[in-house]
C-alpha atoms as a PDB file:
ATOM      1  CA  MET A   1       0.000   0.000   0.000  1.00  0.00           C
ATOM      2  CA  LYS A   2       2.815   2.388   0.882  1.00  0.00           C
ATOM      3  CA  ALA A   3       4.676   1.665  -2.376  1.00  0.00           C
ATOM      4  CA  ALA A   4       1.583   2.613  -4.394  1.00  0.00           C
ATOM      5  CA  GLY A   5       1.980   6.203  -3.170  1.00  0.00           C
ATOM      6  CA  HIS A   6      -1.704   6.892  -2.543  1.00  0.00           C
ATOM      7  CA  PRO A   7      -2.577  10.160  -0.765  1.00  0.00           C
ATOM      8  CA  CYS A   8      -4.099  10.215   2.713  1.00  0.00           C
ATOM      9  CA  TRP A   9      -7.717   9.076   2.330  1.00  0.00           C
ATOM     10  CA  ILE A  10      -8.819  11.305   5.210  1.00  0.00           C
ATOM     11  CA  CYS A  11      -7.349  14.694   4.273  1.00  0.00           C
ATOM     12  CA  GLY A  12      -6.421  14.058   0.618  1.00  0.00           C
ATOM     13  CA  HIS A  13      -2.828  15.342   0.879  1.00  0.00           C
ATOM     14  CA  ASN A  14       0.222  13.412  -0.288  1.00  0.00           C
ATOM     15  CA  ILE A  15       2.123  11.331   2.242  1.00  0.00           C
ATOM     16  CA  PRO A  16       5.869  12.123   2.198  1.00  0.00           C
ATOM     17  CA  ASP A  17       8.227   9.166   2.117  1.00  0.00           C
ATOM     18  CA  ASN A  18      11.244  10.971   3.574  1.00  0.00           C
ATOM     19  CA  VAL A  19      10.022  11.360   7.174  1.00  0.00           C
ATOM     20  CA  ASP A  20      10.571   9.210  10.263  1.00  0.00           C
ATOM     21  CA  GLY A  21       7.828   6.587  10.080  1.00  0.00           C
ATOM     22  CA  ARG A  22       7.712   6.035  13.832  1.00  0.00           C
ATOM     23  CA  THR A  23       7.242   9.563  15.118  1.00  0.00           C
ATOM     24  CA  HIS A  24       6.501  12.117  12.387  1.00  0.00           C
ATOM     25  CA  PRO A  25       2.823  13.223  12.221  1.00  0.00           C
ATOM     26  CA  LEU A  26       2.823  13.099   8.393  1.00  0.00           C
ATOM     27  CA  ALA A  27       4.289   9.577   8.224  1.00  0.00           C
ATOM     28  CA  PHE A  28       2.473   6.756   6.436  1.00  0.00           C
ATOM     29  CA  THR A  29       0.136   4.524   8.440  1.00  0.00           C
ATOM     30  CA  LEU A  30      -2.254   1.854   7.306  1.00  0.00           C
ATOM     31  CA  ASP A  31      -5.787   2.815   8.317  1.00  0.00           C
ATOM     32  CA  HIS A  32      -8.796   0.533   8.215  1.00  0.00           C
ATOM     33  CA  LEU A  33     -12.069   1.755   6.723  1.00  0.00           C
ATOM     34  CA  VAL A  34     -13.965  -0.362   9.253  1.00  0.00           C
ATOM     35  CA  PRO A  35     -11.846  -0.215  12.424  1.00  0.00           C
ATOM     36  CA  LEU A  36     -10.621  -3.532  13.765  1.00  0.00           C
ATOM     37  CA  SER A  37     -12.256  -2.750  17.113  1.00  0.00           C
ATOM     38  CA  ARG A  38     -15.612  -2.547  15.297  1.00  0.00           C
ATOM     39  CA  GLY A  39     -15.276  -5.822  13.437  1.00  0.00           C
ATOM     40  CA  GLY A  40     -13.130  -4.780  10.472  1.00  0.00           C
ATOM     41  CA  ASP A  41     -11.039  -7.438   8.750  1.00  0.00           C
ATOM     42  CA  LEU A  42      -7.269  -7.134   9.192  1.00  0.00           C
ATOM     43  CA  THR A  43      -6.489  -9.182   6.082  1.00  0.00           C
ATOM     44  CA  ASP A  44      -9.039  -7.667   3.667  1.00  0.00           C
ATOM     45  CA  PRO A  45      -7.263  -5.314   1.207  1.00  0.00           C
ATOM     46  CA  ALA A  46     -10.577  -3.519   0.571  1.00  0.00           C
ATOM     47  CA  ASN A  47     -10.542  -2.426   4.222  1.00  0.00           C
ATOM     48  CA  ALA A  48      -7.032  -0.882   4.037  1.00  0.00           C
ATOM     49  CA  ARG A  49      -6.376   2.801   3.327  1.00  0.00           C
ATOM     50  CA  SER A  50      -3.273   5.015   3.322  1.00  0.00           C
ATOM     51  CA  ALA A  51      -3.307   7.749   5.953  1.00  0.00           C
ATOM     52  CA  HIS A  52      -1.060  10.215   7.761  1.00  0.00           C
ATOM     53  CA  ARG A  53      -0.233   9.220  11.323  1.00  0.00           C
ATOM     54  CA  ARG A  54      -2.000  12.292  12.746  1.00  0.00           C
ATOM     55  CA  CYS A  55      -5.114  11.837  10.559  1.00  0.00           C
ATOM     56  CA  ASN A  56      -5.361   8.182  11.557  1.00  0.00           C
ATOM     57  CA  SER A  57      -4.902   9.004  15.246  1.00  0.00           C
ATOM     58  CA  ALA A  58      -7.448  11.830  15.147  1.00  0.00           C
ATOM     59  CA  ARG A  59     -10.015   9.558  13.491  1.00  0.00           C
ATOM     60  CA  GLY A  60      -9.671   6.970  16.239  1.00  0.00           C
ATOM     61  CA  ASN A  61     -12.106   4.078  15.846  1.00  0.00           C
ATOM     62  CA  ARG A  62     -14.889   6.047  14.177  1.00  0.00           C
ATOM     63  CA  THR A  63     -16.305   4.498  11.034  1.00  0.00           C
ATOM     64  CA  ALA A  64     -16.036   7.690   8.957  1.00  0.00           C
ATOM     65  CA  PRO A  65     -13.395  10.420   8.890  1.00  0.00           C
ATOM     66  CA  GLN A  66     -14.240  13.390  11.051  1.00  0.00           C
ATOM     67  CA  ARG A  67     -14.535  16.449   8.865  1.00  0.00           C
ATOM     68  CA  PRO A  68     -14.681  19.957  10.248  1.00  0.00           C
ATOM     69  CA  ALA A  69     -18.073  21.607   9.856  1.00  0.00           C
ATOM     70  CA  ARG A  70     -18.070  24.288   7.191  1.00  0.00           C
ATOM     71  CA  ALA A  71     -20.272  27.309   7.303  1.00  0.00           C
ATOM     72  CA  SER A  72     -21.939  28.282   4.074  1.00  0.00           C
ATOM     73  CA  ARG A  73     -21.247  31.727   2.705  1.00  0.00           C
ATOM     74  CA  ARG A  74     -24.811  31.845   1.430  1.00  0.00           C
ATOM     75  CA  TRP A  75     -27.170  32.442   4.337  1.00  0.00           C
END
């Protein structure tokens, strides 16, 4: 998954490959669409997504990425 070079599925930005993978917040992590704690399959490739470490951590075990609420400019 990392070699494919997919962007972060949560924020949409590219994941750099020249950062420390253990500590850097923009490092690659493998996220699961359906979290393992909610019954997701560890071995199913359809459940795997590329994500930044900080995006994956902020999402936690929710089933959908948390997106900030946007206010409309048209009232």
